[in-house]
Structures are given as structure tokens and as C-alpha cells.
Protein backbone atom coordinates (compact mmCIF):
# COMPACT_ATOMS: atom_id res chain seq x y z
CA MET A 1 80.60 123.98 125.39
CA GLY A 2 84.28 123.44 126.04
CA VAL A 3 84.58 120.44 123.74
CA LEU A 4 82.88 122.13 120.78
CA ARG A 5 84.80 125.36 121.35
CA ALA A 6 87.95 123.61 120.13
CA TYR A 7 86.21 123.19 116.75
CA THR A 8 84.77 126.70 116.48
CA HIS A 9 87.64 128.71 117.99
CA PRO A 10 90.88 126.79 117.33
CA ASN A 11 93.91 127.60 119.45
CA ASP A 12 96.28 126.57 116.67
CA SER A 13 97.27 129.75 114.82
CA ARG A 14 97.62 127.79 111.57
CA TRP A 15 93.87 127.17 111.55
CA ARG A 16 92.65 130.66 112.43
CA GLY A 17 90.72 132.54 109.81
CA PRO A 18 88.43 131.03 107.15
CA GLN A 19 90.30 127.71 107.37
CA ARG A 20 88.89 127.18 110.87
CA HIS A 21 85.77 125.75 109.20
CA ALA A 22 87.80 122.62 108.42
CA TYR A 23 87.44 121.69 112.09
CA THR A 24 83.64 121.82 112.05
CA ILE A 25 83.60 119.90 108.76
CA LEU A 26 85.76 117.20 110.35
CA LEU A 27 83.25 116.93 113.19
CA THR A 28 80.38 116.68 110.69
CA ILE A 29 82.22 113.96 108.78
CA THR A 30 82.51 111.98 112.00
CA VAL A 31 78.72 112.12 112.45
CA PHE A 32 78.13 110.94 108.88
CA VAL A 33 80.62 108.08 109.20
CA THR A 34 78.77 106.94 112.33
CA LEU A 35 75.49 106.96 110.38
CA ILE A 36 77.12 105.03 107.53
CA TRP A 37 78.19 102.35 110.01
CA ILE A 38 74.60 102.07 111.28
CA PHE A 39 73.09 101.62 107.81
CA PHE A 40 75.92 99.31 106.72
CA ILE A 41 75.42 96.97 109.69
CA ALA A 42 71.64 97.09 109.14
CA ASP A 43 71.81 96.14 105.45
CA GLN A 44 74.35 93.40 106.15
CA ALA A 45 72.20 91.93 108.91
CA TYR A 46 69.06 92.11 106.80
CA SER A 47 70.80 90.47 103.84
CA ARG A 48 71.73 87.64 106.19
CA VAL A 49 68.07 87.29 107.21
CA LEU A 50 66.97 87.13 103.57
CA ASP A 51 69.63 84.53 102.81
CA ASN A 52 68.55 82.35 105.74
CA GLN A 53 64.97 82.53 104.55
CA TYR A 54 66.08 81.52 101.09
CA GLN A 55 68.04 78.55 102.43
CA LYS A 56 64.99 77.19 104.24
CA LEU A 57 62.74 77.65 101.20
CA ALA A 58 65.35 76.16 98.86
CA HIS A 59 65.75 73.03 100.99
CA LYS A 60 61.98 72.62 101.16
CA HIS A 61 61.70 73.12 97.40
CA ASN A 62 64.36 70.47 96.73
CA ALA A 63 62.72 68.03 99.14
CA ASP A 64 59.33 68.53 97.50
CA ALA A 65 60.87 68.14 94.04
CA GLU A 66 62.24 64.74 95.06
CA LYS A 67 58.69 63.78 96.02
CA GLY A 68 57.40 64.86 92.64
CA ILE A 69 55.92 68.11 93.88
CA TYR A 70 56.95 70.94 91.59
CA TYR A 71 56.36 74.66 91.99
CA GLU A 72 58.16 77.95 91.44
CA PRO A 73 61.58 77.92 93.19
CA PRO A 74 62.31 80.62 95.76
CA THR A 75 63.92 83.81 94.53
CA TYR A 76 67.58 84.51 95.20
CA PRO A 77 68.56 86.86 98.04
CA PRO A 78 70.58 90.03 97.29
CA VAL A 79 73.67 88.61 99.04
CA ARG A 80 74.58 84.93 99.26
CA TRP A 81 76.03 84.04 102.65
CA HIS A 82 75.84 80.29 101.95
CA ALA A 83 76.93 78.36 98.89
CA GLY A 84 73.99 77.18 96.84
CA THR A 85 73.10 73.59 96.05
CA GLU A 86 73.56 74.30 92.35
CA GLY A 87 77.06 75.69 92.64
CA GLU A 88 76.20 79.29 93.53
CA VAL A 89 79.17 80.98 95.19
CA ALA A 90 78.74 82.58 98.61
CA ASP A 91 79.74 86.23 98.27
CA GLY A 92 78.57 87.58 101.63
CA TRP A 93 81.93 87.86 103.36
CA THR A 94 83.67 89.07 100.20
CA SER A 95 81.11 91.84 99.83
CA PHE A 96 81.34 92.68 103.53
CA PHE A 97 85.11 93.06 103.64
CA PHE A 98 85.29 94.93 100.34
CA ARG A 99 82.60 97.43 101.27
CA ALA A 100 83.88 97.87 104.83
CA PHE A 101 87.59 98.17 104.12
CA LEU A 102 87.36 100.32 101.00
CA ALA A 103 86.69 103.52 102.95
CA LEU A 104 84.70 102.89 106.13
CA VAL A 105 87.30 101.12 108.26
CA PRO A 106 90.25 103.31 107.12
CA ASP A 107 88.31 106.48 107.93
CA THR A 108 87.22 105.03 111.27
CA ILE A 109 90.93 104.74 112.10
CA HIS A 110 91.79 108.15 110.65
CA LEU A 111 89.11 110.24 112.37
CA PRO A 112 90.04 109.54 116.05
CA ILE A 113 93.68 110.31 115.26
CA ALA A 114 92.68 113.57 113.57
CA HIS A 115 90.53 114.60 116.55
CA ILE A 116 93.33 113.85 119.02
CA LEU A 117 95.80 115.91 116.99
CA LEU A 118 93.23 118.69 116.71
CA HIS A 119 92.75 118.94 120.47
CA LYS A 120 96.53 118.90 120.98
CA ASN A 121 97.00 121.65 118.36
CA LYS A 122 99.16 119.30 116.30
CA LEU A 123 96.95 118.84 113.23
CA HIS A 124 99.29 119.96 110.46
CA PRO A 125 97.64 121.60 107.43
CA VAL A 126 99.71 119.54 104.98
CA GLY A 127 98.71 116.27 106.67
CA ALA A 128 95.06 117.35 106.72
CA LEU A 129 95.19 118.18 103.00
CA VAL A 130 96.76 114.83 102.09
CA CYS A 131 94.19 112.91 104.15
CA GLY A 132 91.41 114.96 102.59
CA VAL A 133 92.51 114.00 99.07
CA ILE A 134 92.89 110.32 99.98
CA PHE A 135 89.54 109.93 101.73
CA PHE A 136 87.67 111.94 99.11
CA CYS A 137 88.81 109.41 96.51
CA LEU A 138 88.04 106.44 98.77
CA TRP A 139 84.53 107.62 99.58
CA VAL A 140 83.74 108.31 95.93
CA ASP A 141 84.85 104.76 95.05
CA SER A 142 82.89 103.27 97.94
CA ALA A 143 79.71 105.17 97.03
CA LEU A 144 79.93 104.16 93.38
CA TRP A 145 80.49 100.52 94.35
CA GLY A 146 77.45 100.60 96.64
CA ILE A 147 75.28 102.09 93.90
CA PHE A 148 76.58 99.52 91.42
CA THR A 149 75.85 96.67 93.84
CA THR A 150 72.21 97.59 94.42
CA THR A 151 71.52 98.61 90.81
CA TRP A 152 72.90 95.53 89.08
CA SER A 153 72.03 92.82 91.59
CA GLU A 154 70.06 90.16 89.73
CA TYR A 155 67.50 89.05 92.24
CA TYR A 156 63.78 89.32 92.78
CA ASN A 157 62.52 89.20 96.31
CA LYS A 158 59.37 90.60 97.81
CA ASP A 159 61.48 92.05 100.64
CA LYS A 160 64.19 93.44 98.38
CA ASN A 161 62.88 97.01 98.60
CA ALA A 162 63.79 97.21 102.29
CA TRP A 163 67.34 96.02 101.60
CA ASP A 164 67.67 98.39 98.65
CA GLU A 165 66.58 101.33 100.76
CA LEU A 166 69.12 100.53 103.47
CA ALA A 167 71.96 100.08 100.98
CA ASN A 168 71.01 103.15 98.93
CA MET A 169 70.79 105.29 102.05
CA GLY A 170 74.30 104.20 102.97
CA SER A 171 75.52 105.10 99.47
CA ALA A 172 73.84 108.51 99.66
CA LEU A 173 75.56 109.22 102.98
CA GLN A 174 78.86 108.22 101.42
CA VAL A 175 78.33 110.72 98.59
CA VAL A 176 77.69 113.47 101.15
CA THR A 177 80.81 112.41 103.07
CA ALA A 178 82.87 112.65 99.88
CA LEU A 179 81.54 116.18 99.29
CA LEU A 180 82.39 117.11 102.87
CA TYR A 181 85.94 115.89 102.31
CA LEU A 182 86.05 118.05 99.17
CA ALA A 183 85.24 121.10 101.30
CA TYR A 184 87.74 119.89 103.92
CA MET A 185 90.39 119.78 101.20
CA GLY A 186 89.63 123.38 100.23
CA TYR A 187 89.99 124.75 103.75
CA SER A 188 93.09 122.62 104.34
CA ALA A 189 94.65 124.04 101.17
CA LYS A 190 93.90 127.53 102.51
CA ALA A 191 95.59 126.61 105.79
CA VAL A 192 98.64 125.29 103.90
CA HIS A 193 98.86 128.53 101.92
CA GLU A 194 98.69 130.69 105.04
CA TRP A 195 101.14 128.45 106.89
CA ARG A 196 103.73 128.68 104.10
CA LYS A 197 103.21 132.42 103.83
CA ASN A 198 103.68 132.96 107.57
CA LYS A 199 106.65 130.60 107.59
CA GLY A 200 108.30 132.66 104.83
CA ASP A 201 107.55 135.90 106.71
CA ARG A 202 109.11 134.52 109.91
CA GLU A 203 112.23 133.40 108.07
CA ALA A 204 112.54 136.78 106.37
CA PHE A 205 112.08 138.49 109.75
CA ARG A 206 114.82 136.38 111.36
CA ALA A 207 117.16 137.05 108.45
CA GLY A 208 116.46 140.79 108.73
CA VAL A 209 117.12 140.81 112.47
CA ALA A 210 120.37 138.88 112.03
CA HIS A 211 121.50 141.28 109.31
CA GLY A 212 120.63 144.29 111.45
CA LEU A 213 122.56 142.91 114.41
CA GLU A 214 125.51 142.25 112.16
CA LEU A 215 125.50 145.82 110.92
CA ALA A 216 125.23 147.05 114.50
CA GLY A 217 128.28 145.02 115.47
CA VAL A 218 126.40 142.64 117.78
CA ASN A 219 126.71 138.86 117.53
CA LYS A 220 123.90 136.35 117.92
CA ASN A 221 124.43 136.19 121.69
CA GLY A 222 123.74 139.89 122.02
CA GLN A 223 127.39 140.74 122.79
CA GLU A 224 129.22 143.52 121.04
CA ARG A 225 131.87 142.18 118.71
CA ARG A 226 135.45 143.19 119.35
CA SER A 227 137.51 144.53 116.54
CA HIS A 228 140.09 142.09 115.26
CA VAL A 229 142.41 145.00 114.45
CA GLU A 230 144.71 145.61 117.41
CA ALA A 231 145.92 149.09 118.12
CA ALA A 232 149.57 149.66 117.14
CA PRO A 233 151.91 149.91 120.16
CA SER A 234 153.11 153.40 121.02
CA TYR A 235 156.78 154.10 121.68
CA ALA A 236 158.10 156.93 123.79
CA VAL A 237 160.45 159.30 122.00
CA VAL A 238 163.65 159.75 123.95
């Protein structure tokens, strides 16, 4: 297809050769980031459901306790979207913004720009390499934070397995995305190397042409240079 051809057969000469695979990797990264968004929204929504259930059970438990009816209190949800009656801090929005803006939102901004530059043949190898390094680090941090969140959350809920699976799947996709950026960095570095090599060859070629024209007595405008030495005037002998 015409759209995919831009990723498999780039028109930009800087990305021809083995480094052309960076384009297909960038397209694959876009797919994975979309999947990460889906699982992230799902685990956030489900954590909100678990918290709402906890709030209802907690209020009922407190009301029954005031009546002298005592039983096991409800278990805490994985994410607290509401402050608890015993001083528990709501961390839902803090967790949301931290997890979203650590890597997901920045890459969501970066990827459309990269695709636009790619289709306009303006994706510079140096810029691609720098972005690859940055987003590799961000996705590694985001994946580790997601794993840490699900592993060390102190809660016990009969529905926690579903939330864990959603969150862990998102973390696994983030690890794969980081590895894809690692490969993207490698091909971008190859493109930078070839670009600098070709740039040096072009500069050497221009310098050689200019030197040859100078030796041939032709200026840069292609006109033959006139000698600055004027012929001595001749005088007739009387």
C-alpha cells in the first residue's frame, strides 16, 4: 500500500540501506503505544470501580459498627481515589498523572511528529537518535514503576487478580516498547554514521572540483579568469 511503502522503501537517501528498518520499528512502536493506552485506561477504570465498591462497603461497615455489629472490615482497593475515613490519602490522581506523563503522554506527542517528518522526508538521523535515547530511558523507568506498583501494593481483594493482570500487561508492553526503542537507536546511529560519511564525501568532492577549476583557470561562475599581468606596450622604432 502507498502509506506503508513510505516505511519499507524510504525516499530519504539518509535512511536507505539497513537503517531503513528504523521506519518499520517506529510504526511498530506506534502500535504498542496504542495498546499501552488501552490497558492503562482499563486498569485505571477498574481501579476506580474497586475503590467505589470499597467506599460503599466501608460506609456500611462503619454504620454497622455504630450499631454494635462487628465483622471483618472490607479490604483496601489497589488505588485509593477517595480519602479514607481513617486518614488514608487518596493517591488515584497522583498515580494517574505520574504513570501517564512519565513516558506515555510524551511519546504520544512525539510519535505523530516523527511520522509527519518521515512522510515529508525531513526526519533527521541525529534527531531520531536523540529521541530514541530519551524514550528508551523513559519507557524503562515507566515499566519499572509499573512493576513496582503492582508488586508492592499492600492490599488484598478478591478481584485484585484482574487489576494485576491489566497493570502487568501494560508493564510488559512498556518493556517491549523500550526494547524497540533500543533497536531504533541502533538503526538511527547507523543512519547518522552514513549521513556524516556522505556529508564528508560531498564536501571533499566540492573542494576537489573547486581546486580543479582553479588550476584550470576558471572561476566559480564558470568564466575563464583573465591574467592580471598586462602586456607591455610596444613602441615603433624610428
